[in-house]
N, C-alpha and C. Protein backbone atom coordinates (compact mmCIF):
# COMPACT_ATOMS: atom_id res chain seq x y z
N UNK A 1 120.63 102.04 86.71
CA UNK A 1 120.70 100.59 86.57
C UNK A 1 120.97 100.23 85.12
N UNK A 2 121.49 99.06 84.95
CA UNK A 2 121.78 98.59 83.60
C UNK A 2 120.52 98.03 82.97
N UNK A 3 120.41 98.22 81.65
CA UNK A 3 119.26 97.72 80.92
C UNK A 3 119.08 96.22 81.12
N UNK A 4 120.19 95.48 81.16
CA UNK A 4 120.13 94.03 81.29
C UNK A 4 119.48 93.55 82.57
N UNK A 5 119.49 94.39 83.58
CA UNK A 5 118.91 93.98 84.85
C UNK A 5 117.41 94.27 84.93
N UNK A 6 116.85 94.86 83.89
CA UNK A 6 115.43 95.16 83.91
C UNK A 6 114.60 93.89 83.98
N UNK A 7 115.04 92.85 83.31
CA UNK A 7 114.29 91.59 83.34
C UNK A 7 114.17 91.06 84.77
N UNK A 8 115.25 91.11 85.52
CA UNK A 8 115.22 90.67 86.92
C UNK A 8 114.31 91.58 87.74
N UNK A 9 114.40 92.88 87.52
CA UNK A 9 113.55 93.86 88.19
C UNK A 9 112.08 93.58 87.89
N UNK A 10 111.78 93.34 86.63
CA UNK A 10 110.41 93.05 86.18
C UNK A 10 109.89 91.79 86.86
N UNK A 11 110.66 90.72 86.82
CA UNK A 11 110.24 89.45 87.44
C UNK A 11 110.03 89.59 88.94
N UNK A 12 110.87 90.38 89.58
CA UNK A 12 110.78 90.57 91.03
C UNK A 12 109.53 91.37 91.42
N UNK A 13 109.10 92.30 90.58
CA UNK A 13 108.04 93.23 90.95
C UNK A 13 106.70 93.01 90.26
N UNK A 14 106.66 92.17 89.26
CA UNK A 14 105.43 92.00 88.47
C UNK A 14 104.23 91.60 89.32
N UNK A 15 104.35 90.57 90.13
CA UNK A 15 103.20 90.08 90.91
C UNK A 15 102.67 91.13 91.86
N UNK A 16 103.56 91.80 92.57
CA UNK A 16 103.08 92.79 93.55
C UNK A 16 102.45 94.00 92.87
N UNK A 17 102.96 94.43 91.72
CA UNK A 17 102.35 95.56 91.00
C UNK A 17 101.03 95.11 90.40
N UNK A 18 100.97 93.88 89.91
CA UNK A 18 99.71 93.37 89.38
C UNK A 18 98.63 93.40 90.47
N UNK A 19 98.96 92.88 91.66
CA UNK A 19 97.99 92.90 92.77
C UNK A 19 97.61 94.33 93.14
N UNK A 20 98.59 95.21 93.20
CA UNK A 20 98.35 96.62 93.55
C UNK A 20 97.33 97.24 92.59
N UNK A 21 97.51 96.99 91.31
CA UNK A 21 96.61 97.54 90.29
C UNK A 21 95.28 96.81 90.30
N UNK A 22 95.32 95.50 90.38
CA UNK A 22 94.12 94.66 90.31
C UNK A 22 93.06 95.09 91.32
N UNK A 23 93.46 95.32 92.55
CA UNK A 23 92.50 95.68 93.59
C UNK A 23 92.00 97.11 93.45
N UNK A 24 92.65 97.90 92.64
CA UNK A 24 92.24 99.29 92.47
C UNK A 24 91.39 99.52 91.22
N UNK A 25 91.34 98.55 90.34
CA UNK A 25 90.54 98.72 89.13
C UNK A 25 89.33 97.78 89.13
N UNK A 26 88.83 97.48 90.31
CA UNK A 26 87.63 96.67 90.41
C UNK A 26 87.83 95.23 90.01
N UNK A 27 89.05 94.73 90.18
CA UNK A 27 89.38 93.34 89.87
C UNK A 27 89.06 92.99 88.41
N UNK A 28 89.27 93.95 87.52
CA UNK A 28 89.06 93.77 86.09
C UNK A 28 90.41 93.36 85.47
N UNK A 29 90.51 92.09 85.08
CA UNK A 29 91.79 91.55 84.60
C UNK A 29 92.29 92.25 83.33
N UNK A 30 91.41 92.51 82.39
CA UNK A 30 91.84 93.13 81.13
C UNK A 30 92.41 94.52 81.36
N UNK A 31 91.69 95.34 82.12
CA UNK A 31 92.17 96.69 82.42
C UNK A 31 93.46 96.60 83.21
N UNK A 32 93.50 95.70 84.17
CA UNK A 32 94.69 95.53 85.01
C UNK A 32 95.91 95.18 84.16
N UNK A 33 95.77 94.22 83.28
CA UNK A 33 96.90 93.80 82.45
C UNK A 33 97.39 94.94 81.57
N UNK A 34 96.46 95.71 81.00
CA UNK A 34 96.86 96.87 80.19
C UNK A 34 97.63 97.89 81.02
N UNK A 35 97.10 98.20 82.20
CA UNK A 35 97.75 99.20 83.05
C UNK A 35 99.12 98.73 83.53
N UNK A 36 99.22 97.47 83.92
CA UNK A 36 100.50 96.94 84.38
C UNK A 36 101.53 96.99 83.24
N UNK A 37 101.11 96.66 82.04
CA UNK A 37 102.02 96.76 80.89
C UNK A 37 102.51 98.19 80.70
N UNK A 38 101.58 99.14 80.78
CA UNK A 38 101.94 100.56 80.63
C UNK A 38 102.88 101.01 81.74
N UNK A 39 102.64 100.55 82.96
CA UNK A 39 103.49 100.91 84.10
C UNK A 39 104.91 100.41 83.87
N UNK A 40 105.06 99.16 83.45
CA UNK A 40 106.40 98.63 83.25
C UNK A 40 107.07 99.21 82.01
N UNK A 41 106.29 99.65 81.04
CA UNK A 41 106.88 100.35 79.89
C UNK A 41 107.46 101.69 80.35
N UNK A 42 106.74 102.38 81.22
CA UNK A 42 107.28 103.64 81.78
C UNK A 42 108.54 103.36 82.58
N UNK A 43 108.52 102.29 83.37
CA UNK A 43 109.69 101.94 84.17
C UNK A 43 110.89 101.63 83.27
N UNK A 44 110.65 100.89 82.20
CA UNK A 44 111.73 100.56 81.27
C UNK A 44 112.30 101.83 80.63
N UNK A 45 111.41 102.72 80.24
CA UNK A 45 111.83 103.97 79.59
C UNK A 45 112.76 104.79 80.49
N UNK A 46 112.51 104.75 81.80
CA UNK A 46 113.28 105.57 82.74
C UNK A 46 114.22 104.73 83.62
N UNK A 47 114.43 103.48 83.24
CA UNK A 47 115.19 102.56 84.08
C UNK A 47 116.64 103.01 84.29
N UNK A 48 117.24 103.57 83.26
CA UNK A 48 118.64 104.00 83.39
C UNK A 48 118.78 105.22 84.29
N UNK A 49 117.69 105.94 84.51
CA UNK A 49 117.72 107.13 85.37
C UNK A 49 117.35 106.81 86.82
N UNK A 50 117.05 105.55 87.09
CA UNK A 50 116.65 105.13 88.44
C UNK A 50 117.72 105.50 89.46
N UNK A 51 117.31 106.09 90.58
CA UNK A 51 118.21 106.49 91.66
C UNK A 51 118.31 105.34 92.66
N UNK A 52 119.47 104.70 92.77
CA UNK A 52 119.61 103.55 93.67
C UNK A 52 119.45 103.89 95.15
N UNK A 53 119.41 105.19 95.49
CA UNK A 53 119.16 105.57 96.89
C UNK A 53 117.71 105.34 97.28
N UNK A 54 116.84 105.18 96.29
CA UNK A 54 115.43 104.90 96.53
C UNK A 54 115.23 103.40 96.31
N UNK A 55 114.44 102.77 97.18
CA UNK A 55 114.23 101.33 97.01
C UNK A 55 113.50 101.07 95.70
N UNK A 56 113.81 99.93 95.09
CA UNK A 56 113.16 99.55 93.83
C UNK A 56 111.65 99.52 93.98
N UNK A 57 111.18 98.93 95.08
CA UNK A 57 109.74 98.80 95.25
C UNK A 57 109.08 100.16 95.40
N UNK A 58 109.69 101.08 96.12
CA UNK A 58 109.12 102.43 96.25
C UNK A 58 109.07 103.11 94.89
N UNK A 59 110.11 102.91 94.08
CA UNK A 59 110.18 103.54 92.76
C UNK A 59 109.08 103.02 91.84
N UNK A 60 108.92 101.70 91.77
CA UNK A 60 107.91 101.14 90.87
C UNK A 60 106.50 101.42 91.40
N UNK A 61 106.31 101.41 92.71
CA UNK A 61 105.00 101.76 93.27
C UNK A 61 104.67 103.21 92.99
N UNK A 62 105.66 104.07 93.00
CA UNK A 62 105.43 105.49 92.70
C UNK A 62 104.95 105.63 91.26
N UNK A 63 105.59 104.93 90.36
CA UNK A 63 105.18 104.94 88.96
C UNK A 63 103.75 104.41 88.84
N UNK A 64 103.46 103.30 89.51
CA UNK A 64 102.12 102.70 89.46
C UNK A 64 101.09 103.65 90.07
N UNK A 65 101.41 104.24 91.20
CA UNK A 65 100.49 105.17 91.87
C UNK A 65 100.15 106.34 90.94
N UNK A 66 101.16 106.95 90.34
CA UNK A 66 100.92 108.08 89.44
C UNK A 66 100.15 107.66 88.20
N UNK A 67 100.49 106.49 87.67
CA UNK A 67 99.80 106.02 86.47
C UNK A 67 98.32 105.75 86.76
N UNK A 68 98.04 105.15 87.91
CA UNK A 68 96.65 104.90 88.29
C UNK A 68 95.90 106.21 88.54
N UNK A 69 96.56 107.17 89.16
CA UNK A 69 95.92 108.48 89.38
C UNK A 69 95.53 109.09 88.04
N UNK A 70 96.42 109.01 87.06
CA UNK A 70 96.11 109.52 85.72
C UNK A 70 94.96 108.74 85.09
N UNK A 71 95.00 107.43 85.25
CA UNK A 71 93.95 106.57 84.69
C UNK A 71 92.58 106.92 85.29
N UNK A 72 92.52 107.03 86.62
CA UNK A 72 91.26 107.33 87.28
C UNK A 72 90.77 108.74 86.92
N UNK A 73 91.70 109.66 86.82
CA UNK A 73 91.32 111.03 86.44
C UNK A 73 90.76 111.03 85.01
N UNK A 74 91.45 110.34 84.13
CA UNK A 74 91.03 110.32 82.73
C UNK A 74 89.72 109.57 82.51
N UNK A 75 89.47 108.54 83.33
CA UNK A 75 88.25 107.74 83.15
C UNK A 75 87.19 108.08 84.18
N UNK A 76 87.48 109.04 85.06
CA UNK A 76 86.54 109.49 86.10
C UNK A 76 86.12 108.35 87.02
N UNK A 77 87.06 107.46 87.32
CA UNK A 77 86.81 106.37 88.24
C UNK A 77 87.62 106.61 89.50
N UNK A 78 87.29 105.89 90.53
CA UNK A 78 88.10 105.95 91.75
C UNK A 78 88.12 104.57 92.39
N UNK A 79 89.15 104.34 93.18
CA UNK A 79 89.25 103.06 93.89
C UNK A 79 88.13 103.00 94.93
N UNK A 80 87.57 101.84 95.10
CA UNK A 80 86.44 101.64 96.00
C UNK A 80 86.93 101.00 97.29
N UNK A 81 86.28 101.34 98.38
CA UNK A 81 86.63 100.74 99.67
C UNK A 81 86.43 99.23 99.63
N UNK A 82 85.53 98.75 98.77
CA UNK A 82 85.34 97.30 98.64
C UNK A 82 86.63 96.61 98.20
N UNK A 83 87.47 97.32 97.44
CA UNK A 83 88.73 96.74 97.04
C UNK A 83 89.63 96.51 98.25
N UNK A 84 89.61 97.44 99.19
CA UNK A 84 90.39 97.28 100.42
C UNK A 84 89.80 96.14 101.23
N UNK A 85 88.48 96.09 101.30
CA UNK A 85 87.82 95.01 102.05
C UNK A 85 88.17 93.65 101.44
N UNK A 86 88.12 93.56 100.12
CA UNK A 86 88.45 92.31 99.44
C UNK A 86 89.87 91.89 99.80
N UNK A 87 90.77 92.85 99.80
CA UNK A 87 92.16 92.55 100.13
C UNK A 87 92.31 92.10 101.57
N UNK A 88 91.55 92.73 102.48
CA UNK A 88 91.60 92.36 103.89
C UNK A 88 91.08 90.95 104.13
N UNK A 89 89.96 90.64 103.51
CA UNK A 89 89.29 89.37 103.78
C UNK A 89 89.89 88.24 102.96
N UNK A 90 90.27 88.49 101.75
CA UNK A 90 90.84 87.46 100.90
C UNK A 90 89.83 86.98 99.88
N UNK A 91 90.33 86.35 98.88
CA UNK A 91 89.51 85.93 97.75
C UNK A 91 88.42 84.94 98.15
N UNK A 92 88.72 84.04 99.08
CA UNK A 92 87.74 83.04 99.49
C UNK A 92 87.01 83.42 100.76
N UNK A 93 87.24 84.63 101.25
CA UNK A 93 86.54 85.08 102.44
C UNK A 93 87.09 84.51 103.73
N UNK A 94 88.29 83.96 103.69
CA UNK A 94 88.84 83.37 104.91
C UNK A 94 89.16 84.46 105.93
N UNK A 95 89.07 84.07 107.18
CA UNK A 95 89.38 85.00 108.26
C UNK A 95 90.71 84.58 108.86
N UNK A 96 91.52 85.55 109.16
CA UNK A 96 92.80 85.21 109.75
C UNK A 96 92.91 85.70 111.18
N UNK A 97 92.59 86.94 111.43
CA UNK A 97 92.82 87.51 112.75
C UNK A 97 91.52 87.92 113.43
N UNK A 98 90.57 88.42 112.68
CA UNK A 98 89.35 88.95 113.29
C UNK A 98 88.12 88.20 112.80
N UNK A 99 87.07 88.20 113.61
CA UNK A 99 85.83 87.51 113.25
C UNK A 99 85.07 88.31 112.20
N UNK A 100 84.04 87.69 111.64
CA UNK A 100 83.21 88.37 110.64
C UNK A 100 82.56 89.62 111.23
N UNK A 101 82.10 89.53 112.45
CA UNK A 101 81.47 90.68 113.09
C UNK A 101 82.49 91.82 113.26
N UNK A 102 83.69 91.46 113.67
CA UNK A 102 84.74 92.47 113.82
C UNK A 102 85.12 93.07 112.47
N UNK A 103 85.13 92.23 111.44
CA UNK A 103 85.41 92.73 110.09
C UNK A 103 84.34 93.73 109.67
N UNK A 104 83.09 93.41 109.95
CA UNK A 104 81.99 94.31 109.58
C UNK A 104 82.18 95.67 110.25
N UNK A 105 82.52 95.64 111.53
CA UNK A 105 82.75 96.89 112.26
C UNK A 105 83.95 97.65 111.67
N UNK A 106 84.99 96.91 111.32
CA UNK A 106 86.16 97.54 110.74
C UNK A 106 85.82 98.16 109.39
N UNK A 107 85.06 97.45 108.56
CA UNK A 107 84.67 97.99 107.26
C UNK A 107 83.84 99.26 107.41
N UNK A 108 82.93 99.23 108.37
CA UNK A 108 82.11 100.42 108.62
C UNK A 108 82.99 101.60 109.02
N UNK A 109 83.97 101.33 109.86
CA UNK A 109 84.89 102.40 110.28
C UNK A 109 85.75 102.87 109.11
N UNK A 110 86.24 101.94 108.29
CA UNK A 110 87.03 102.32 107.12
C UNK A 110 86.22 103.18 106.16
N UNK A 111 84.94 102.85 106.02
CA UNK A 111 84.06 103.64 105.15
C UNK A 111 83.94 105.09 105.61
N UNK A 112 84.13 105.32 106.90
CA UNK A 112 83.98 106.67 107.46
C UNK A 112 85.26 107.50 107.34
N UNK A 113 86.36 106.87 106.96
CA UNK A 113 87.62 107.59 106.80
C UNK A 113 87.63 108.38 105.50
N UNK A 114 88.43 109.43 105.48
CA UNK A 114 88.66 110.18 104.25
C UNK A 114 89.50 109.32 103.30
N UNK A 115 89.41 109.55 101.99
CA UNK A 115 90.19 108.74 101.04
C UNK A 115 91.69 108.71 101.35
N UNK A 116 92.27 109.85 101.73
CA UNK A 116 93.70 109.87 102.06
C UNK A 116 94.00 109.03 103.29
N UNK A 117 93.10 109.05 104.25
CA UNK A 117 93.29 108.25 105.47
C UNK A 117 93.23 106.76 105.14
N UNK A 118 92.27 106.37 104.29
CA UNK A 118 92.18 104.96 103.88
C UNK A 118 93.44 104.55 103.13
N UNK A 119 93.94 105.43 102.27
CA UNK A 119 95.14 105.12 101.50
C UNK A 119 96.32 104.87 102.44
N UNK A 120 96.47 105.72 103.44
CA UNK A 120 97.58 105.57 104.39
C UNK A 120 97.46 104.25 105.16
N UNK A 121 96.26 103.96 105.66
CA UNK A 121 96.04 102.71 106.40
C UNK A 121 96.29 101.50 105.50
N UNK A 122 95.81 101.57 104.28
CA UNK A 122 95.99 100.47 103.33
C UNK A 122 97.47 100.24 103.05
N UNK A 123 98.18 101.31 102.76
CA UNK A 123 99.60 101.17 102.43
C UNK A 123 100.41 100.64 103.62
N UNK A 124 100.14 101.16 104.79
CA UNK A 124 100.94 100.79 105.97
C UNK A 124 100.60 99.39 106.48
N UNK A 125 99.32 99.12 106.67
CA UNK A 125 98.93 97.90 107.38
C UNK A 125 98.47 96.76 106.48
N UNK A 126 98.10 97.04 105.26
CA UNK A 126 97.66 95.98 104.36
C UNK A 126 98.75 95.62 103.37
N UNK A 127 99.36 96.65 102.77
CA UNK A 127 100.39 96.40 101.77
C UNK A 127 101.79 96.33 102.36
N UNK A 128 101.93 96.72 103.62
CA UNK A 128 103.20 96.56 104.31
C UNK A 128 104.30 97.55 103.95
N UNK A 129 103.93 98.72 103.47
CA UNK A 129 104.91 99.75 103.15
C UNK A 129 105.62 100.24 104.42
N UNK A 130 106.87 100.61 104.29
CA UNK A 130 107.56 101.34 105.35
C UNK A 130 107.21 102.81 105.18
N UNK A 131 107.46 103.61 106.21
CA UNK A 131 107.19 105.04 106.09
C UNK A 131 108.06 105.66 105.00
N UNK A 132 109.27 105.18 104.85
CA UNK A 132 110.16 105.70 103.81
C UNK A 132 109.59 105.42 102.42
N UNK A 133 109.08 104.20 102.21
CA UNK A 133 108.48 103.86 100.92
C UNK A 133 107.20 104.67 100.69
N UNK A 134 106.39 104.81 101.73
CA UNK A 134 105.17 105.61 101.60
C UNK A 134 105.52 107.05 101.23
N UNK A 135 106.59 107.55 101.82
CA UNK A 135 107.04 108.92 101.56
C UNK A 135 107.38 109.10 100.09
N UNK A 136 108.08 108.13 99.52
CA UNK A 136 108.46 108.22 98.11
C UNK A 136 107.24 108.17 97.19
N UNK A 137 106.24 107.40 97.57
CA UNK A 137 105.05 107.25 96.74
C UNK A 137 104.11 108.44 96.87
N UNK A 138 103.93 108.93 98.08
CA UNK A 138 102.91 109.95 98.34
C UNK A 138 103.45 111.38 98.37
N UNK A 139 104.74 111.56 98.18
CA UNK A 139 105.36 112.90 98.22
C UNK A 139 105.09 113.62 99.53
N UNK A 140 105.19 112.90 100.62
CA UNK A 140 105.07 113.48 101.96
C UNK A 140 106.25 112.96 102.77
N UNK A 141 106.65 113.70 103.78
CA UNK A 141 107.78 113.25 104.59
C UNK A 141 107.36 112.04 105.42
N UNK A 142 108.35 111.24 105.77
CA UNK A 142 108.08 110.06 106.61
C UNK A 142 107.50 110.50 107.95
N UNK A 143 108.02 111.58 108.50
CA UNK A 143 107.50 112.08 109.79
C UNK A 143 106.05 112.50 109.68
N UNK A 144 105.70 113.18 108.59
CA UNK A 144 104.30 113.60 108.39
C UNK A 144 103.40 112.38 108.25
N UNK A 145 103.89 111.34 107.59
CA UNK A 145 103.10 110.12 107.43
C UNK A 145 102.95 109.37 108.74
N UNK A 146 103.97 109.39 109.59
CA UNK A 146 103.86 108.76 110.91
C UNK A 146 102.77 109.45 111.72
N UNK A 147 102.76 110.77 111.68
CA UNK A 147 101.74 111.54 112.41
C UNK A 147 100.36 111.24 111.83
N UNK A 148 100.25 111.27 110.50
CA UNK A 148 98.96 111.01 109.85
C UNK A 148 98.48 109.59 110.16
N UNK A 149 99.39 108.62 110.15
CA UNK A 149 99.02 107.24 110.47
C UNK A 149 98.55 107.13 111.91
N UNK A 150 99.29 107.76 112.81
CA UNK A 150 98.90 107.74 114.23
C UNK A 150 97.50 108.33 114.41
N UNK A 151 97.25 109.46 113.77
CA UNK A 151 95.94 110.11 113.90
C UNK A 151 94.83 109.26 113.28
N UNK A 152 95.14 108.63 112.16
CA UNK A 152 94.13 107.79 111.50
C UNK A 152 93.82 106.56 112.34
N UNK A 153 94.84 105.93 112.90
CA UNK A 153 94.61 104.77 113.78
C UNK A 153 93.81 105.19 115.00
N UNK A 154 94.14 106.34 115.56
CA UNK A 154 93.40 106.86 116.71
C UNK A 154 91.93 107.09 116.33
N UNK A 155 91.71 107.63 115.14
CA UNK A 155 90.34 107.86 114.64
C UNK A 155 89.61 106.53 114.46
N UNK A 156 90.30 105.54 113.89
CA UNK A 156 89.70 104.21 113.71
C UNK A 156 89.32 103.60 115.05
N UNK A 157 90.24 103.69 116.01
CA UNK A 157 89.95 103.14 117.34
C UNK A 157 88.75 103.83 117.96
N UNK A 158 88.66 105.13 117.78
CA UNK A 158 87.52 105.88 118.31
C UNK A 158 86.22 105.42 117.66
N UNK A 159 86.27 105.22 116.35
CA UNK A 159 85.08 104.75 115.63
C UNK A 159 84.70 103.34 116.08
N UNK A 160 85.70 102.52 116.36
CA UNK A 160 85.46 101.14 116.74
C UNK A 160 85.09 100.98 118.22
N UNK A 161 85.48 101.95 119.01
CA UNK A 161 85.24 101.87 120.45
C UNK A 161 83.75 101.77 120.76
N UNK A 162 82.94 102.41 119.95
CA UNK A 162 81.49 102.36 120.17
C UNK A 162 80.90 100.99 119.85
N UNK A 163 81.68 100.17 119.17
CA UNK A 163 81.24 98.81 118.83
C UNK A 163 81.76 97.86 119.90
N UNK A 164 80.91 97.46 120.83
CA UNK A 164 81.38 96.67 121.98
C UNK A 164 81.91 95.29 121.60
N UNK A 165 81.52 94.76 120.43
CA UNK A 165 81.98 93.44 120.02
C UNK A 165 83.41 93.46 119.50
N UNK A 166 83.87 94.64 119.10
CA UNK A 166 85.21 94.74 118.53
C UNK A 166 86.24 94.80 119.64
N UNK A 167 87.28 93.99 119.52
CA UNK A 167 88.36 93.99 120.49
C UNK A 167 89.56 94.65 119.83
N UNK A 168 90.00 95.77 120.36
CA UNK A 168 91.13 96.50 119.79
C UNK A 168 92.42 95.73 120.00
N UNK A 169 93.27 95.66 118.98
CA UNK A 169 94.54 94.94 119.10
C UNK A 169 95.49 95.63 120.06
């Protein structure tokens, strides 16, 4: 890509990368802003090497994902399931599709998933990634991610089945 188009790329992706980072660093604005700046500096540094066969969003999310992994490793922190819950419920606690009781059951089930399983569910159903985009970010094939997603959803349904108040979609 041309250097001149970085500004458009930045404007197009800033909000979504900010949200992606914000929910993973405990909603700490200062840390989030620093990390987002570092992520876009890395993107700018490698912008001319960007492969147009990969979607822009998958490319910048991959950079963000790797940068956060380094950050958490270096600071010995990890993303909390509460961040996923916050994203599901919303800032004001509004409900869109499921009741509070159903949310509680869902949160309990999400808590029982392995971190990789939560990441897959979050990326696919909360952040709206395609399997192709997930593949670019997670270094796994799209087919492997489809299988993993299917198994994780099946596991979630099994965990939720014991909760008679929960109605499976």
